[in-house]
Protein backbone atom coordinates (compact mmCIF):
# COMPACT_ATOMS: atom_id res chain seq x y z
CA LYS A 1 169.17 -91.05 91.71
CA THR A 2 169.09 -89.01 94.91
CA LEU A 3 170.26 -91.92 97.10
CA ARG A 4 173.91 -91.98 98.11
CA GLU A 5 176.26 -94.63 99.46
CA GLY A 6 176.14 -94.83 103.24
CA GLU A 7 172.51 -93.69 103.51
CA GLU A 8 169.93 -95.91 105.16
CA ILE A 9 166.44 -96.62 103.83
CA VAL A 10 163.50 -98.52 105.30
CA LEU A 11 162.01 -101.41 103.30
CA ARG A 12 158.27 -101.82 103.82
CA ASP A 13 155.63 -104.32 102.78
CA PRO A 14 152.55 -103.36 100.67
CA ARG A 15 150.73 -102.34 103.86
CA ASN A 16 153.58 -99.94 104.74
CA ILE A 17 154.81 -102.06 107.64
CA PRO A 18 158.61 -101.73 108.05
CA LEU A 19 160.47 -105.02 107.57
CA ALA A 20 164.15 -104.08 107.27
CA VAL A 21 166.69 -101.29 107.01
CA MET A 22 169.18 -101.25 104.15
CA ARG A 23 172.50 -99.44 104.40
CA ILE A 24 173.24 -98.49 100.79
CA GLU A 25 176.60 -99.70 99.53
CA GLU A 26 176.00 -99.42 95.77
CA VAL A 27 173.80 -97.36 93.45
CA TYR A 28 174.27 -98.27 89.81
CA ARG A 29 172.52 -98.12 86.45
CA TRP A 30 171.55 -101.49 84.99
CA ASP A 31 171.16 -102.65 81.39
CA LEU A 32 167.87 -104.42 80.70
CA ASN A 33 168.86 -106.13 77.44
CA TYR A 34 172.23 -107.24 78.81
CA GLU A 35 170.72 -108.69 81.98
CA ALA A 36 167.78 -110.38 80.24
CA SER A 37 170.05 -111.90 77.56
CA ASN A 38 172.57 -113.24 80.06
CA VAL A 39 170.26 -114.34 82.88
CA LEU A 40 167.15 -115.41 80.99
CA LYS A 41 168.71 -116.03 77.54
CA THR A 42 165.92 -114.01 75.92
CA THR A 43 164.55 -110.50 75.50
CA ASP A 44 161.18 -111.81 74.29
CA LEU A 45 158.38 -109.90 76.03
CA ARG A 46 156.30 -113.07 76.35
CA HIS A 47 158.72 -114.10 79.10
CA PRO A 48 156.95 -112.90 82.28
CA LEU A 49 160.12 -111.61 83.91
CA VAL A 50 161.29 -109.77 80.78
CA ALA A 51 157.92 -108.00 80.61
CA GLU A 52 158.16 -107.09 84.29
CA MET A 53 161.74 -105.81 83.90
CA HIS A 54 160.46 -103.18 81.49
CA THR A 55 158.56 -101.59 84.40
CA TRP A 56 161.59 -101.35 86.72
CA GLY A 57 163.49 -98.14 87.42
CA GLU A 58 166.82 -97.12 85.92
CA TYR A 59 168.94 -97.89 88.97
CA TYR A 60 169.69 -100.82 91.26
CA ILE A 61 170.70 -100.44 94.89
CA SER A 62 172.37 -102.99 97.14
CA GLY A 63 173.68 -103.13 100.67
CA GLU A 64 173.58 -104.73 104.09
CA LEU A 65 170.14 -105.53 105.49
CA ARG A 66 169.11 -105.31 109.14
CA VAL A 67 165.85 -107.17 109.69
CA ILE A 68 163.28 -105.43 111.86
CA GLN A 69 160.61 -108.12 111.64
CA LEU A 70 159.54 -110.89 109.30
CA PRO A 71 156.31 -110.59 107.31
CA ARG A 72 153.24 -111.90 109.17
CA HIS A 73 151.41 -114.86 107.66
CA TYR A 74 147.96 -115.89 108.84
CA ASP A 75 147.57 -118.91 106.55
CA PHE A 76 149.03 -122.24 107.74
CA PRO A 77 151.47 -120.64 110.23
CA GLU A 78 152.62 -124.09 111.37
CA TYR A 79 154.28 -124.57 107.98
CA ARG A 80 155.72 -121.06 107.62
CA LYS A 81 159.24 -121.85 108.82
CA THR A 82 162.51 -119.91 108.70
CA PRO A 83 165.72 -121.56 107.43
CA ARG A 84 166.92 -122.00 111.01
CA GLN A 85 163.66 -123.65 112.08
CA VAL A 86 163.79 -126.05 109.12
CA ARG A 87 167.42 -126.93 109.78
CA GLU A 88 166.63 -127.66 113.43
CA GLU A 89 163.64 -129.80 112.49
CA LEU A 90 165.68 -131.77 109.96
CA SER A 91 168.48 -132.24 112.49
CA LYS A 92 166.02 -133.85 114.92
CA LEU A 93 165.15 -136.46 112.28
CA GLY A 94 168.73 -137.71 112.57
CA TYR A 95 169.68 -138.09 108.87
CA GLU A 96 172.95 -136.91 107.39
CA LYS A 97 171.48 -136.41 103.91
CA VAL A 98 168.42 -134.34 102.98
CA VAL A 99 166.84 -134.07 99.54
CA ALA A 100 164.64 -131.03 98.81
CA PHE A 101 161.73 -130.85 96.38
CA GLN A 102 160.65 -127.59 94.75
CA THR A 103 157.23 -127.11 93.15
CA ARG A 104 154.78 -124.36 92.27
CA ASN A 105 151.98 -126.75 91.24
CA PRO A 106 149.59 -129.08 93.08
CA MET A 107 151.28 -132.38 93.92
CA HIS A 108 149.92 -135.47 92.18
CA ARG A 109 150.89 -139.14 92.36
CA ILE A 110 153.77 -138.56 89.95
CA HIS A 111 155.32 -135.99 92.32
CA GLU A 112 154.74 -138.27 95.28
CA GLU A 113 156.52 -141.08 93.44
CA LEU A 114 159.38 -138.83 92.42
CA THR A 115 160.00 -137.47 95.96
CA LYS A 116 159.86 -140.90 97.58
CA ARG A 117 162.24 -142.37 95.00
CA ALA A 118 164.69 -139.52 95.62
CA GLN A 119 164.45 -140.06 99.36
CA GLU A 120 165.22 -143.77 98.99
CA ARG A 121 168.05 -143.05 96.57
CA ILE A 122 169.96 -140.96 99.13
CA GLY A 123 168.82 -142.95 102.17
CA GLY A 124 167.95 -139.79 104.07
CA ALA A 125 165.28 -137.24 104.88
CA LEU A 126 162.94 -135.37 102.51
CA LEU A 127 162.15 -131.65 102.57
CA ILE A 128 158.95 -130.82 100.67
CA HIS A 129 159.52 -127.14 99.98
CA PRO A 130 156.93 -125.59 97.62
CA ALA A 131 157.13 -121.94 96.57
CA VAL A 132 154.05 -120.14 97.84
CA GLY A 133 154.84 -116.60 96.73
CA LEU A 134 154.08 -115.07 93.34
CA THR A 135 154.17 -117.75 90.63
CA LYS A 136 153.30 -117.93 86.94
CA PRO A 137 149.94 -116.38 85.95
CA GLY A 138 147.46 -119.21 85.52
CA ASP A 139 148.94 -121.42 88.21
CA VAL A 140 146.56 -122.92 90.77
CA ASP A 141 146.08 -120.36 93.55
CA THR A 142 148.36 -120.49 96.60
CA PHE A 143 145.67 -121.36 99.16
CA THR A 144 144.44 -124.35 97.16
CA ARG A 145 147.98 -125.61 96.71
CA MET A 146 148.79 -125.20 100.41
CA ARG A 147 145.70 -127.21 101.36
CA ILE A 148 146.85 -129.99 99.01
CA TYR A 149 150.45 -130.01 100.30
CA LYS A 150 149.27 -130.14 103.92
CA THR A 151 146.83 -133.00 103.23
CA LEU A 152 149.35 -135.11 101.33
CA TYR A 153 152.10 -134.55 103.90
CA GLU A 154 149.88 -135.50 106.81
CA LYS A 155 148.30 -138.56 105.15
CA TYR A 156 150.81 -140.06 102.70
CA TYR A 157 154.35 -139.26 103.89
CA ASP A 158 156.40 -140.74 106.74
CA ARG A 159 156.68 -137.76 109.06
CA ARG A 160 159.62 -139.41 110.83
CA ARG A 161 161.62 -138.83 107.64
CA THR A 162 159.87 -135.83 106.06
CA VAL A 163 159.50 -132.10 106.73
CA LEU A 164 157.01 -129.78 105.00
CA ALA A 165 157.76 -126.06 104.88
CA PHE A 166 156.29 -123.32 102.69
CA LEU A 167 158.82 -121.10 100.93
CA PRO A 168 157.74 -117.43 100.52
CA LEU A 169 159.46 -117.11 97.17
CA ALA A 170 158.36 -115.22 94.06
CA MET A 171 159.11 -117.41 91.05
CA ARG A 172 161.11 -115.71 88.28
CA MET A 173 160.38 -118.48 85.73
CA ALA A 174 164.04 -118.26 84.74
CA GLY A 175 164.49 -121.94 83.87
CA PRO A 176 168.10 -123.19 84.17
CA ARG A 177 169.42 -120.17 86.12
CA GLU A 178 166.50 -120.41 88.51
CA ALA A 179 167.33 -124.08 89.19
CA LEU A 180 170.76 -122.99 90.46
CA TRP A 181 169.16 -120.31 92.63
CA HIS A 182 166.66 -122.82 94.01
CA GLY A 183 169.52 -125.14 94.90
CA ILE A 184 171.36 -122.40 96.81
CA ILE A 185 168.18 -121.51 98.71
CA ARG A 186 167.59 -125.15 99.70
CA LYS A 187 171.18 -125.46 100.90
CA ASN A 188 170.43 -122.62 103.31
CA TYR A 189 167.43 -124.62 104.57
CA GLY A 190 169.61 -127.65 105.29
CA ALA A 191 169.38 -129.71 102.08
CA THR A 192 172.35 -131.68 100.76
CA HIS A 193 170.54 -132.80 97.57
CA PHE A 194 168.02 -131.14 95.27
CA ILE A 195 165.56 -132.66 92.79
CA VAL A 196 165.70 -131.15 89.29
CA GLY A 197 163.09 -132.51 86.93
CA ARG A 198 161.96 -131.81 83.41
CA ASP A 199 161.52 -128.13 82.42
CA HIS A 200 162.41 -126.79 85.86
CA ALA A 201 160.88 -123.31 86.41
CA GLY A 202 159.96 -123.12 82.73
CA PRO A 203 157.91 -120.07 81.60
CA GLY A 204 156.23 -121.82 78.66
CA ARG A 205 156.52 -120.66 75.04
CA ASP A 206 157.83 -117.51 73.42
CA SER A 207 156.02 -115.18 71.01
CA LYS A 208 156.80 -117.57 68.14
CA GLY A 209 155.37 -120.60 69.94
CA ARG A 210 158.74 -122.17 70.82
CA PRO A 211 159.73 -123.28 74.35
CA PHE A 212 162.00 -120.75 76.06
CA TYR A 213 164.24 -123.55 77.37
CA ALA A 214 164.99 -127.15 76.39
CA PRO A 215 163.33 -129.77 78.65
CA TYR A 216 166.53 -130.84 80.42
CA GLU A 217 168.58 -127.65 80.08
CA ALA A 218 168.25 -126.94 83.82
CA GLN A 219 169.70 -130.35 84.68
CA GLU A 220 172.67 -129.77 82.39
CA LEU A 221 173.47 -126.38 83.96
CA PHE A 222 173.02 -127.67 87.52
CA ALA A 223 175.35 -130.61 86.85
CA ARG A 224 178.00 -128.16 85.60
CA TYR A 225 177.96 -126.15 88.87
CA GLU A 226 176.99 -128.91 91.30
CA GLU A 227 180.37 -129.04 93.06
CA GLU A 228 180.61 -125.26 93.40
CA LEU A 229 177.07 -125.05 94.81
CA GLY A 230 177.73 -127.72 97.41
CA VAL A 231 174.37 -129.32 96.61
CA LYS A 232 174.08 -132.58 94.68
CA MET A 233 171.41 -132.90 92.02
CA ILE A 234 168.92 -135.73 91.89
CA PRO A 235 167.86 -135.64 88.21
CA PHE A 236 164.64 -137.16 86.96
CA GLU A 237 163.29 -137.65 83.48
CA GLU A 238 159.59 -137.55 82.68
CA LEU A 239 157.63 -140.29 84.48
CA VAL A 240 154.62 -142.02 82.91
CA TYR A 241 152.05 -144.42 84.31
CA VAL A 242 152.20 -148.02 83.04
CA PRO A 243 148.96 -149.94 83.78
CA GLU A 244 150.71 -153.27 83.17
CA VAL A 245 153.05 -152.72 86.14
CA GLY A 246 150.60 -150.60 88.12
CA GLY A 247 153.06 -147.78 88.67
CA TYR A 248 155.27 -145.06 87.26
CA VAL A 249 158.41 -145.55 85.16
CA GLU A 250 160.58 -143.16 83.17
CA ARG A 251 159.21 -142.58 79.68
CA ARG A 252 162.46 -143.74 78.06
CA GLU A 253 162.30 -147.05 79.97
CA ALA A 254 158.62 -147.56 79.12
CA GLU A 255 159.27 -147.02 75.43
CA GLY A 256 162.36 -149.24 75.52
CA MET A 257 160.40 -152.07 77.15
CA GLY A 258 157.48 -151.64 74.77
CA TYR A 259 155.04 -150.81 77.55
CA GLU A 260 151.81 -148.96 76.83
CA TYR A 261 151.63 -145.95 79.11
CA ILE A 262 149.25 -143.09 79.88
CA THR A 263 149.72 -139.47 80.88
CA ILE A 264 147.48 -136.48 81.51
CA SER A 265 148.70 -133.02 80.54
CA GLY A 266 147.94 -129.88 82.50
CA THR A 267 145.56 -128.79 79.73
CA GLU A 268 143.69 -132.11 79.94
CA VAL A 269 143.43 -131.77 83.73
CA ARG A 270 141.74 -128.40 83.30
CA ASP A 271 139.69 -128.92 80.15
CA SER A 272 138.77 -132.60 80.10
CA TYR A 273 138.31 -133.20 83.80
CA LEU A 274 137.89 -130.16 86.06
CA ARG A 275 136.02 -128.01 83.54
CA ASN A 276 133.48 -130.81 83.10
CA GLY A 277 133.21 -131.59 86.80
CA ARG A 278 134.96 -134.96 86.33
CA LYS A 279 137.09 -136.33 89.13
CA LEU A 280 140.70 -137.05 88.23
CA PRO A 281 141.58 -140.78 88.11
CA GLY A 282 143.15 -142.46 91.13
CA TRP A 283 146.32 -143.45 89.28
CA PHE A 284 146.94 -139.76 88.57
CA THR A 285 146.16 -138.09 91.89
CA ARG A 286 145.05 -138.82 95.45
CA PRO A 287 141.27 -138.56 96.06
CA GLU A 288 141.76 -135.71 98.53
CA THR A 289 143.65 -133.70 95.90
CA ALA A 290 140.95 -134.39 93.31
CA GLU A 291 138.25 -133.15 95.70
CA ILE A 292 140.11 -129.95 96.61
CA LEU A 293 140.73 -129.12 92.94
CA LEU A 294 137.10 -129.76 92.01
CA GLU A 295 135.93 -127.45 94.82
CA THR A 296 138.00 -124.56 93.55
CA TYR A 297 137.71 -124.96 89.78
CA THR A 298 135.29 -122.91 87.67
CA PRO A 299 134.21 -124.26 84.25
CA LYS A 300 135.74 -122.20 81.45
CA TYR A 301 132.44 -120.81 80.16
CA ARG A 302 131.94 -119.28 83.63
CA GLN A 303 135.48 -117.94 83.93
CA GLY A 304 136.32 -114.28 83.54
CA PHE A 305 138.40 -112.90 80.69
CA CYS A 306 139.80 -109.63 79.39
CA VAL A 307 139.47 -108.43 75.80
CA TRP A 308 142.21 -105.81 75.33
CA LEU A 309 141.78 -103.71 72.18
CA THR A 310 144.94 -101.87 71.15
CA GLY A 311 145.71 -99.76 68.12
CA LEU A 312 146.38 -96.25 66.84
CA PRO A 313 144.08 -93.40 67.85
CA CYS A 314 140.87 -93.44 65.76
CA ALA A 315 141.48 -97.04 64.59
CA GLY A 316 138.01 -97.99 65.87
CA LYS A 317 138.72 -99.48 69.29
CA SER A 318 135.95 -97.76 71.26
CA THR A 319 133.28 -98.42 68.64
CA ILE A 320 134.15 -102.12 68.41
CA ALA A 321 134.28 -102.34 72.22
CA GLU A 322 130.79 -100.91 72.57
CA ILE A 323 129.33 -103.30 69.97
CA LEU A 324 131.12 -106.28 71.56
CA SER A 325 129.81 -105.25 74.97
CA VAL A 326 126.21 -105.36 73.72
CA MET A 327 126.77 -108.74 72.01
CA LEU A 328 128.19 -110.24 75.20
CA GLN A 329 125.42 -108.82 77.37
CA ALA A 330 122.92 -110.43 75.00
CA ARG A 331 124.60 -113.74 75.88
CA GLY A 332 124.10 -113.16 79.61
CA LYS A 333 127.51 -111.73 80.46
CA ARG A 334 127.95 -108.79 82.78
CA ILE A 335 130.49 -106.48 81.23
CA THR A 336 132.87 -103.84 82.56
CA LEU A 337 134.02 -101.51 79.78
CA LEU A 338 137.21 -99.54 80.43
CA ASP A 339 137.62 -97.00 77.64
CA GLY A 340 140.82 -94.99 77.38
CA ASP A 341 139.16 -91.58 77.34
CA VAL A 342 136.91 -92.36 80.31
CA VAL A 343 139.77 -93.91 82.29
CA ARG A 344 141.80 -90.74 81.83
CA THR A 345 139.12 -88.67 83.57
CA HIS A 346 138.79 -90.96 86.59
CA LEU A 347 141.25 -93.78 87.31
CA SER A 348 144.24 -92.01 85.72
CA LYS A 349 143.29 -88.40 86.35
CA GLY A 350 146.44 -86.30 86.70
CA LEU A 351 148.63 -88.45 84.50
CA GLY A 352 150.23 -86.83 81.46
CA PHE A 353 151.35 -88.34 78.16
CA SER A 354 155.03 -88.99 78.82
CA LYS A 355 156.13 -92.57 78.24
CA GLU A 356 156.34 -93.14 81.99
CA ASP A 357 152.81 -91.80 82.58
CA ARG A 358 151.41 -93.79 79.66
CA ILE A 359 152.87 -97.00 81.06
CA THR A 360 151.46 -96.15 84.49
CA ASN A 361 148.04 -95.62 82.88
CA ILE A 362 148.20 -98.99 81.09
CA LEU A 363 149.29 -100.83 84.25
CA ARG A 364 146.55 -99.18 86.33
CA VAL A 365 143.90 -100.28 83.87
CA GLY A 366 145.56 -103.69 83.68
CA PHE A 367 145.47 -104.10 87.46
CA VAL A 368 141.77 -103.24 87.63
CA ALA A 369 141.07 -105.58 84.70
CA SER A 370 143.05 -108.42 86.31
CA GLU A 371 141.05 -108.10 89.54
CA ILE A 372 137.79 -108.26 87.59
CA VAL A 373 139.02 -111.35 85.71
CA ARG A 374 140.30 -112.98 88.91
CA HIS A 375 136.76 -112.82 90.28
CA ASN A 376 135.40 -114.30 87.04
CA GLY A 377 134.11 -111.06 85.59
CA VAL A 378 134.37 -109.97 81.95
CA VAL A 379 136.18 -106.75 81.07
CA ILE A 380 136.72 -105.01 77.74
CA CYS A 381 139.59 -102.51 77.62
CA ALA A 382 139.93 -100.09 74.72
CA LEU A 383 143.19 -98.16 74.93
CA VAL A 384 145.86 -97.08 72.47
CA SER A 385 148.37 -98.77 74.85
CA PRO A 386 151.25 -98.14 72.44
CA TYR A 387 154.04 -100.00 74.26
CA ARG A 388 154.45 -103.74 73.76
CA SER A 389 156.24 -104.26 77.08
CA ALA A 390 153.41 -102.68 79.09
CA ARG A 391 150.77 -104.78 77.31
CA ASN A 392 152.75 -107.92 78.03
CA GLN A 393 153.05 -106.90 81.66
CA VAL A 394 149.24 -106.71 81.79
CA ARG A 395 149.03 -110.13 80.10
CA ASN A 396 151.22 -111.53 82.86
CA MET A 397 148.86 -110.20 85.53
CA MET A 398 146.25 -112.73 84.43
CA GLU A 399 145.91 -116.46 84.19
CA GLU A 400 147.26 -117.85 80.95
CA GLY A 401 144.64 -117.71 78.20
CA ARG A 402 142.38 -115.16 79.91
CA PHE A 403 143.98 -112.10 78.29
CA ILE A 404 142.82 -111.74 74.70
CA GLU A 405 144.88 -109.14 72.87
CA VAL A 406 143.04 -107.67 69.89
CA PHE A 407 145.04 -105.62 67.40
CA VAL A 408 142.70 -103.05 65.88
CA ASP A 409 144.73 -102.43 62.74
CA ALA A 410 144.34 -99.36 60.56
CA PRO A 411 147.00 -97.33 58.68
CA VAL A 412 147.77 -93.93 60.16
CA GLU A 413 146.34 -92.21 57.03
CA VAL A 414 142.97 -93.94 57.57
CA CYS A 415 142.99 -93.05 61.27
CA GLU A 416 143.65 -89.44 60.36
CA GLU A 417 140.67 -89.43 57.98
CA ARG A 418 138.43 -90.78 60.77
CA ASP A 419 139.65 -88.19 63.29
CA VAL A 420 136.61 -85.97 63.86
CA LYS A 421 138.31 -84.17 66.78
CA GLY A 422 141.23 -83.04 64.64
CA MET A 423 143.84 -84.47 67.04
CA PHE A 424 146.18 -85.65 64.28
CA ARG A 425 146.08 -82.21 62.63
CA LYS A 426 146.89 -80.51 65.95
CA ALA A 427 149.77 -82.94 66.55
CA ARG A 428 151.22 -82.29 63.07
CA GLU A 429 150.97 -78.54 63.72
CA GLY A 430 152.92 -79.02 66.96
CA LEU A 431 149.99 -78.05 69.18
CA ILE A 432 149.99 -81.52 70.81
CA LYS A 433 153.23 -83.22 71.79
CA GLY A 434 153.83 -86.97 72.15
CA PHE A 435 150.85 -88.02 70.04
CA THR A 436 150.90 -91.69 69.07
CA GLY A 437 151.28 -92.13 65.33
CA VAL A 438 152.79 -88.68 64.80
CA ASP A 439 155.73 -88.03 67.16
CA ASP A 440 155.41 -90.98 69.52
CA PRO A 441 155.77 -94.58 68.30
CA TYR A 442 153.15 -97.31 68.31
CA GLU A 443 154.50 -100.84 68.79
CA PRO A 444 152.05 -103.28 67.16
CA PRO A 445 151.47 -106.70 68.81
CA GLU A 446 153.71 -109.48 67.55
CA ALA A 447 151.25 -112.32 68.16
CA PRO A 448 147.78 -111.02 69.07
CA GLU A 449 144.98 -113.49 69.69
CA VAL A 450 142.80 -111.56 67.22
CA HIS A 451 143.95 -109.30 64.35
CA LEU A 452 141.30 -106.96 62.94
CA ASP A 453 141.81 -105.22 59.61
CA THR A 454 139.39 -102.34 60.15
CA VAL A 455 139.82 -101.08 56.59
CA ARG A 456 138.30 -104.32 55.33
CA LEU A 457 135.99 -105.16 58.27
CA SER A 458 133.13 -103.05 59.61
CA PRO A 459 132.93 -102.46 63.39
CA GLU A 460 130.16 -105.08 63.66
CA GLU A 461 132.14 -107.64 61.65
CA SER A 462 135.15 -106.94 63.84
CA ALA A 463 133.12 -107.50 67.01
CA ARG A 464 131.75 -110.78 65.61
CA LYS A 465 135.27 -111.97 64.84
CA ILE A 466 136.19 -111.45 68.50
CA LEU A 467 133.01 -113.27 69.51
CA GLU A 468 133.98 -116.24 67.32
CA HIS A 469 137.36 -116.41 69.04
CA LEU A 470 135.73 -116.42 72.48
CA ILE A 471 133.44 -119.29 71.42
CA LYS A 472 136.38 -121.25 69.99
CA GLU A 473 138.33 -120.82 73.23
CA GLY A 474 135.39 -122.03 75.34
CA PHE A 475 134.61 -118.74 77.11
CA LEU A 476 131.17 -118.70 75.46
CA LEU A 477 128.82 -121.58 74.74
CA GLU A 478 127.64 -121.87 71.14
């Protein structure tokens, strides 16, 4: 709000190193619901970008950038290339046409087949251009993916016709709109064509279990703006492996020809193969890729997870958390318990109870919890955490499936009866302001992994219900 047009500000990286200077040309208030509805076609908080948008400030700024220096990368520097470097490298290959391939996942045989088919279709060069910035929670980590890309490029692609470059891009998971953006970016890197496959940049399913975008919606939008973009689309449908022909064909063709075909979903890769220490089959992936994935994969019962208990004050969160902690320790788990009251005296000391401070408190706890989970630890968080958007932002800090939201449900009248500290009474008398359940709203979860009716269930029964969920999901062995 204090910034004015014409002022200059320094943009710094997380280590406070200056990267660029912006001369401010615009300062304007933005509308979250309008932008989310028009760019992402949803305001559902299960969309990772929608949840993140709820943590942004009230104003946008824009203006001319003067670059001071580019960020330093110490991992695979030979493949960290600027647009100019990539264009020069492609020019040396001597092809008029270049098709670019975007991915945020490990490359398997299906991707290899798809890229080589696209290259042959245009009769030109291929740019393998994976995004190696922030991607969807739960994706294979960047370093593992970069090792796979490097190995495949050096062993299985014709380097006289192919360039590999890592793109430092944070995925927005914006589906169709993101496909257009990806096309524009690749044009800047020298591509004339761009591969758009099934469910491009898809964020998964919404809070009602429905896909955010149709499988080929990105292709339809790209085709509409192809001429304006100046980049031609190479569309592909889903490929499947047909043992009878010993290769990949489009699913529609396989079904039309009556072929039997086989596929392996991402869930099967994780749960049926890697979790059990089984090597992926050769028709699905190269042996080097299978080895790298096996080296980095942890079986699910050894993976970390976060149990996040949310509910009104005095609903029973802390009591259930303590009982669950003991039950998990009895099963050999080492537990970190982050209780709201304790957190307030240490990690979030100095924060008040305004909405902004409450969100900051939730995100601080969420960050600590996500680091514990990332290193395969187990954390139980017991906080009121009244705002749905903040809880979803924490969910998006962790790999998909590792955040278990538990709604500790009790009517406000019951919570007030249980309140031995008299906090509800003080809030109703006006002695405490902004108290959840009295003069500050509580937004209950729309689709929690576990819903506990604490009027009907005792604290021990509630803890056992969470335990049953963890066993069902494979985090605990029976």
